[in-house]
Amino acid sequence: MKNQVSYLLTACLLLAIFSCTKEANGPLNTPRFTASVNGKQVRFMSPVTAQSVKKANGSFDLYIEGKEYITNDSSIMIRFVIPDFTVSGAQSASHQLTTQFNGNFIEWKTTPNSTSGRFHYFQHGQLSVQQDARSYLKGSFSFTYFLFDRLGNKTEEVVVTEGSFSDVIIER
């Protein structure tokens, strides 16, 4: 009987030792995406995403987006589309934001019968993106975009400063 108890205790001890392992990467952090838009701090948290998308030519683009709902039927979004530097093992990338850059400040409005979006193109600015040791993305940005009336006349200049995102996991 003592041998059976001894074997049982040994088995329980081994089970306890091998079933308890330390989490290698630590706890998951909540992604953050913030910016000052014309002096007003905005948190783009609904949701924050990064997605690596394979193109027809075999290369990958990295979509980084932060979205914030203003009301139940309207939202704003900042979207950057860059070549996916992480596929090659690079740790960082920097980009000049111009009207030729693939990205936007977007305003969405949804009604029962339609969805419409206003896409504002970057006029000038800077984007820096890094991949940290945990393979999360972090970065900083600032840019300016213009608003136009129906006739194409510039009506306003919008300045986005102090932009940053962090703890963003790349979806592959």
Protein backbone atom coordinates (compact mmCIF):
# COMPACT_ATOMS: atom_id res chain seq x y z
CA MET A 1 0.00 0.00 0.00
CA LYS A 2 2.88 2.35 0.80
CA ASN A 3 4.33 1.72 -2.67
CA GLN A 4 1.03 2.64 -4.33
CA VAL A 5 0.78 5.86 -2.30
CA SER A 6 4.43 6.64 -3.10
CA TYR A 7 3.84 6.09 -6.85
CA LEU A 8 0.67 8.17 -6.73
CA LEU A 9 2.43 11.05 -4.95
CA THR A 10 5.35 10.88 -7.41
CA ALA A 11 2.95 10.92 -10.37
CA CYS A 12 1.04 13.90 -8.94
CA LEU A 13 4.30 15.76 -8.28
CA LEU A 14 5.56 15.13 -11.84
CA LEU A 15 2.21 16.17 -13.28
CA ALA A 16 2.30 19.40 -11.28
CA ILE A 17 5.88 20.17 -12.34
CA PHE A 18 5.34 19.55 -16.06
CA SER A 19 1.93 21.19 -16.32
CA CYS A 20 3.11 24.50 -14.82
CA THR A 21 5.23 26.40 -17.30
CA LYS A 22 6.12 30.05 -17.39
CA GLU A 23 4.51 32.05 -20.18
CA ALA A 24 7.37 32.97 -22.51
CA ASN A 25 6.06 36.26 -23.87
CA GLY A 26 4.29 37.63 -20.79
CA PRO A 27 0.72 38.90 -20.78
CA LEU A 28 -0.86 40.43 -23.87
CA ASN A 29 -1.09 44.20 -23.85
CA THR A 30 -3.98 46.16 -25.30
CA PRO A 31 -3.04 47.82 -28.60
CA ARG A 32 -2.99 51.62 -28.47
CA PHE A 33 -3.38 54.18 -31.29
CA THR A 34 -3.62 57.90 -30.45
CA ALA A 35 -3.10 61.26 -32.13
CA SER A 36 -3.81 64.94 -31.68
CA VAL A 37 -6.17 66.10 -34.46
CA ASN A 38 -6.15 69.91 -34.72
CA GLY A 39 -5.12 70.04 -31.06
CA LYS A 40 -7.74 67.57 -29.78
CA GLN A 41 -6.45 64.24 -28.43
CA VAL A 42 -8.19 61.26 -30.10
CA ARG A 43 -7.91 57.58 -29.15
CA PHE A 44 -8.42 55.33 -32.17
CA MET A 45 -9.22 52.13 -30.27
CA SER A 46 -12.21 50.49 -31.98
CA PRO A 47 -10.26 48.49 -33.19
CA VAL A 48 -6.51 48.81 -33.73
CA THR A 49 -5.25 46.30 -36.31
CA ALA A 50 -2.22 45.36 -38.39
CA GLN A 51 -2.62 42.86 -41.18
CA SER A 52 -0.02 41.45 -43.57
CA VAL A 53 -1.69 40.88 -46.95
CA LYS A 54 -0.07 38.96 -49.82
CA LYS A 55 -0.34 40.72 -53.18
CA ALA A 56 -0.69 39.04 -56.59
CA ASN A 57 3.04 39.52 -57.30
CA GLY A 58 3.99 37.58 -54.14
CA SER A 59 5.08 40.56 -52.04
CA PHE A 60 3.27 41.62 -48.86
CA ASP A 61 1.66 44.88 -47.77
CA LEU A 62 1.17 45.78 -44.12
CA TYR A 63 -2.13 47.53 -43.30
CA ILE A 64 -2.01 49.44 -40.00
CA GLU A 65 -5.34 50.94 -38.89
CA GLY A 66 -6.81 52.71 -35.92
CA LYS A 67 -10.55 53.40 -35.87
CA GLU A 68 -12.77 55.32 -33.47
CA TYR A 69 -16.56 55.47 -33.40
CA ILE A 70 -17.90 58.98 -32.92
CA THR A 71 -21.55 57.89 -32.84
CA ASN A 72 -23.30 54.59 -33.57
CA ASP A 73 -23.33 55.42 -37.28
CA SER A 74 -20.14 57.42 -37.84
CA SER A 75 -16.45 56.82 -37.31
CA ILE A 76 -13.01 58.09 -38.19
CA MET A 77 -10.00 55.98 -39.17
CA ILE A 78 -6.32 56.44 -39.89
CA ARG A 79 -4.93 53.85 -42.32
CA PHE A 80 -1.34 53.32 -43.42
CA VAL A 81 -0.44 50.78 -46.13
CA ILE A 82 3.29 50.04 -46.38
CA PRO A 83 5.45 47.24 -47.79
CA ASP A 84 5.65 44.59 -45.04
CA PHE A 85 9.21 45.06 -43.82
CA THR A 86 8.78 42.32 -41.18
CA VAL A 87 8.65 39.53 -43.80
CA SER A 88 12.33 40.10 -44.65
CA GLY A 89 13.33 40.23 -40.98
CA ALA A 90 13.90 43.99 -40.90
CA GLN A 91 13.10 45.68 -37.58
CA SER A 92 11.95 49.12 -38.75
CA ALA A 93 10.83 51.29 -41.66
CA SER A 94 10.28 55.01 -42.19
CA HIS A 95 8.08 56.66 -44.81
CA GLN A 96 7.39 60.17 -46.02
CA LEU A 97 3.64 60.80 -46.15
CA THR A 98 2.58 62.59 -49.35
CA THR A 99 -0.42 62.59 -51.66
CA GLN A 100 1.22 59.58 -53.41
CA PHE A 101 1.38 57.53 -50.18
CA ASN A 102 -1.08 54.65 -49.88
CA GLY A 103 -3.04 55.65 -46.77
CA ASN A 104 -5.74 58.04 -45.59
CA PHE A 105 -7.60 59.79 -42.83
CA ILE A 106 -11.13 58.42 -43.42
CA GLU A 107 -14.54 59.59 -42.19
CA TRP A 108 -17.32 56.95 -42.40
CA LYS A 109 -21.06 57.54 -42.19
CA THR A 110 -23.50 54.63 -42.22
CA THR A 111 -27.26 54.97 -42.69
CA PRO A 112 -29.87 52.22 -43.10
CA ASN A 113 -29.63 52.52 -46.90
CA SER A 114 -25.96 53.35 -47.52
CA THR A 115 -22.42 53.73 -46.28
CA SER A 116 -20.29 56.63 -47.42
CA GLY A 117 -16.69 57.52 -46.79
CA ARG A 118 -14.61 60.66 -47.21
CA PHE A 119 -10.98 59.78 -47.92
CA HIS A 120 -8.50 62.53 -47.05
CA TYR A 121 -5.03 62.09 -48.55
CA PHE A 122 -1.88 63.00 -46.66
CA GLN A 123 -0.32 66.23 -47.94
CA HIS A 124 2.94 65.88 -46.03
CA GLY A 125 4.15 64.07 -42.94
CA GLN A 126 6.23 61.24 -41.52
CA LEU A 127 5.59 57.62 -40.42
CA SER A 128 8.09 55.47 -38.50
CA VAL A 129 7.28 51.83 -37.66
CA GLN A 130 9.27 49.35 -35.55
CA GLN A 131 8.80 45.72 -34.65
CA ASP A 132 9.80 45.01 -31.04
CA ALA A 133 11.33 41.84 -29.57
CA ARG A 134 7.83 40.36 -29.06
CA SER A 135 6.99 40.91 -32.78
CA TYR A 136 4.52 43.67 -31.87
CA LEU A 137 4.39 46.86 -33.92
CA LYS A 138 4.90 50.32 -32.53
CA GLY A 139 5.32 53.58 -34.34
CA SER A 140 4.91 57.32 -34.54
CA PHE A 141 3.42 59.63 -37.14
CA SER A 142 2.39 63.16 -37.96
CA PHE A 143 0.77 64.56 -41.08
CA THR A 144 -1.41 67.26 -42.57
CA TYR A 145 -4.42 66.77 -44.83
CA PHE A 146 -6.73 69.25 -46.54
CA LEU A 147 -10.52 69.51 -46.75
CA PHE A 148 -12.08 70.62 -50.02
CA ASP A 149 -15.52 71.85 -51.04
CA ARG A 150 -17.57 70.32 -53.89
CA LEU A 151 -15.78 72.53 -56.42
CA GLY A 152 -12.33 71.38 -55.32
CA ASN A 153 -11.42 74.52 -53.41
CA LYS A 154 -9.34 74.02 -50.27
CA THR A 155 -11.46 74.95 -47.25
CA GLU A 156 -9.40 73.74 -44.29
CA GLU A 157 -6.04 72.30 -43.30
CA VAL A 158 -6.13 69.57 -40.64
CA VAL A 159 -2.96 68.93 -38.63
CA VAL A 160 -2.40 65.52 -37.00
CA THR A 161 0.50 65.48 -34.52
CA GLU A 162 1.81 63.34 -31.66
CA GLY A 163 0.50 60.22 -33.39
CA SER A 164 1.59 56.89 -31.99
CA PHE A 165 0.59 53.24 -31.84
CA SER A 166 1.98 50.34 -29.83
CA ASP A 167 1.43 46.71 -28.86
CA VAL A 168 -0.19 45.94 -32.24
CA ILE A 169 -0.05 42.27 -33.23
CA ILE A 170 0.37 41.53 -36.95
CA GLU A 171 -2.38 39.26 -38.31
CA ARG A 172 -0.98 36.90 -40.95
